[in-house]
Amino acid sequence: MINKPDSNKIRRRKHLRVRKKITGTPARPRLCVFRSNANIYAQIIDDTTGTTLASASTLEKDVKSGLPYGGNIEGSRAVGKLIAERAGEKGIQQVVFDRGGYIFHGRVAAVAEAAREAGLTF
């Protein structure tokens, strides 16, 4: 029997490799995306102080009420728009995008595109 590597272990290894180069500063915080099978989460993080400045997910009542299911592209677009709005309220216009070890495709790309359309630049 051949042992198949755990895909989440591989993703975490990729994420650590990327995090060596990408850090969030007060001028350009990090927009971090995490995706599960049923939901998607986004956070804007200042790594110098280790604080989360804004967050959004498909589990929130505002997003969840308008969607039948949070683990699809429509849910990702809603989260991207919401995180950009919350960043704008805090005065954040520029961020560094952290895809979290996932490929830039599908739901992760939908979060990025919606955040860009709502006013964030990265």
Protein backbone atom coordinates (compact mmCIF):
# COMPACT_ATOMS: atom_id res chain seq x y z
CA MET A 1 0.00 0.00 0.00
CA ILE A 2 1.40 3.37 -1.03
CA ASN A 3 1.06 6.25 1.40
CA LYS A 4 -0.53 9.23 -0.30
CA PRO A 5 0.63 12.57 1.14
CA ASP A 6 -2.00 14.57 2.96
CA SER A 7 -3.04 17.52 0.75
CA ASN A 8 -3.45 19.82 3.76
CA LYS A 9 0.12 19.03 4.89
CA ILE A 10 1.38 19.93 1.43
CA ARG A 11 -0.66 23.17 1.47
CA ARG A 12 0.74 24.12 4.89
CA ARG A 13 4.29 23.52 3.65
CA LYS A 14 3.65 25.76 0.64
CA HIS A 15 2.09 28.39 2.89
CA LEU A 16 5.14 28.45 5.18
CA ARG A 17 7.42 28.77 2.17
CA VAL A 18 5.41 31.74 0.89
CA ARG A 19 5.22 33.33 4.35
CA LYS A 20 9.01 33.57 4.46
CA LYS A 21 8.73 36.25 1.77
CA ILE A 22 5.33 37.85 2.42
CA THR A 23 4.72 39.87 5.58
CA GLY A 24 2.11 42.44 6.42
CA THR A 25 3.23 45.87 7.57
CA PRO A 26 1.16 48.75 8.96
CA ALA A 27 1.40 50.46 5.56
CA ARG A 28 0.53 47.27 3.60
CA PRO A 29 -1.12 44.61 5.75
CA ARG A 30 -1.55 41.02 4.56
CA LEU A 31 -4.87 39.78 3.15
CA CYS A 32 -4.90 36.11 4.12
CA VAL A 33 -7.41 33.64 2.66
CA PHE A 34 -8.40 30.29 4.17
CA ARG A 35 -10.79 27.96 2.44
CA SER A 36 -12.60 24.94 3.78
CA ASN A 37 -15.03 22.68 1.94
CA ALA A 38 -18.10 24.54 3.20
CA ASN A 39 -16.86 28.11 3.86
CA ILE A 40 -14.22 30.71 3.03
CA TYR A 41 -12.52 33.14 5.39
CA ALA A 42 -10.45 36.29 4.82
CA GLN A 43 -8.41 38.33 7.28
CA ILE A 44 -6.34 41.49 7.01
CA ILE A 45 -3.36 41.07 9.33
CA ASP A 46 -0.57 43.39 10.48
CA ASP A 47 2.32 40.99 11.11
CA THR A 48 4.52 43.52 12.93
CA THR A 49 2.07 43.66 15.84
CA GLY A 50 0.39 40.32 15.18
CA THR A 51 -3.11 41.79 15.09
CA THR A 52 -6.07 41.14 12.83
CA LEU A 53 -7.34 44.45 11.50
CA ALA A 54 -10.43 43.15 9.68
CA SER A 55 -12.04 39.82 8.92
CA ALA A 56 -14.92 38.36 6.95
CA SER A 57 -16.30 34.90 6.32
CA THR A 58 -19.31 33.11 4.90
CA LEU A 59 -20.36 32.19 8.44
CA GLU A 60 -21.43 35.75 9.26
CA LYS A 61 -25.15 36.47 9.34
CA ASP A 62 -24.92 39.24 6.72
CA VAL A 63 -23.26 36.96 4.19
CA LYS A 64 -24.97 33.72 5.18
CA SER A 65 -28.50 35.12 4.83
CA GLY A 66 -28.00 36.01 1.16
CA LEU A 67 -26.39 32.70 0.18
CA PRO A 68 -27.73 29.16 0.22
CA TYR A 69 -24.19 27.72 0.50
CA GLY A 70 -20.92 29.38 1.52
CA GLY A 71 -18.43 27.06 -0.16
CA ASN A 72 -18.82 28.30 -3.71
CA ILE A 73 -17.66 31.20 -5.89
CA GLU A 74 -20.68 33.39 -5.03
CA GLY A 75 -19.81 33.12 -1.35
CA SER A 76 -16.19 33.93 -2.11
CA ARG A 77 -17.18 37.06 -4.02
CA ALA A 78 -19.36 38.18 -1.11
CA VAL A 79 -16.47 37.70 1.33
CA GLY A 80 -14.07 39.58 -0.96
CA LYS A 81 -16.43 42.53 -1.24
CA LEU A 82 -17.08 42.57 2.51
CA ILE A 83 -13.39 42.42 3.46
CA ALA A 84 -12.64 45.32 1.10
CA GLU A 85 -15.44 47.40 2.62
CA ARG A 86 -14.21 46.72 6.15
CA ALA A 87 -10.65 47.56 5.13
CA GLY A 88 -11.86 50.83 3.64
CA GLU A 89 -13.58 51.72 6.91
CA LYS A 90 -10.22 51.25 8.68
CA GLY A 91 -8.43 53.38 6.05
CA ILE A 92 -6.62 50.49 4.36
CA GLN A 93 -6.32 50.72 0.57
CA GLN A 94 -3.21 48.62 -0.16
CA VAL A 95 -2.63 45.05 0.94
CA VAL A 96 -0.34 42.12 0.19
CA PHE A 97 -2.33 39.09 -0.99
CA ASP A 98 -1.58 35.80 0.76
CA ARG A 99 -3.27 32.90 -1.01
CA GLY A 100 -2.55 30.57 1.90
CA GLY A 101 -0.81 27.86 -0.10
CA TYR A 102 -3.81 27.36 -2.38
CA ILE A 103 -3.51 27.82 -6.13
CA PHE A 104 -4.78 31.17 -7.41
CA HIS A 105 -7.88 29.73 -9.04
CA GLY A 106 -11.58 29.36 -8.34
CA ARG A 107 -12.70 30.54 -4.92
CA VAL A 108 -9.35 32.08 -3.93
CA ALA A 109 -9.23 34.09 -7.18
CA ALA A 110 -12.87 35.14 -6.67
CA VAL A 111 -12.02 36.65 -3.27
CA ALA A 112 -9.12 38.57 -4.83
CA GLU A 113 -11.14 39.84 -7.81
CA ALA A 114 -14.05 40.98 -5.63
CA ALA A 115 -11.69 42.76 -3.23
CA ARG A 116 -10.00 44.53 -6.15
CA GLU A 117 -13.36 45.60 -7.59
CA ALA A 118 -14.41 46.95 -4.20
CA GLY A 119 -11.33 49.17 -3.95
CA LEU A 120 -8.38 47.24 -2.52
CA THR A 121 -5.11 47.30 -4.46
CA PHE A 122 -2.50 44.53 -4.37
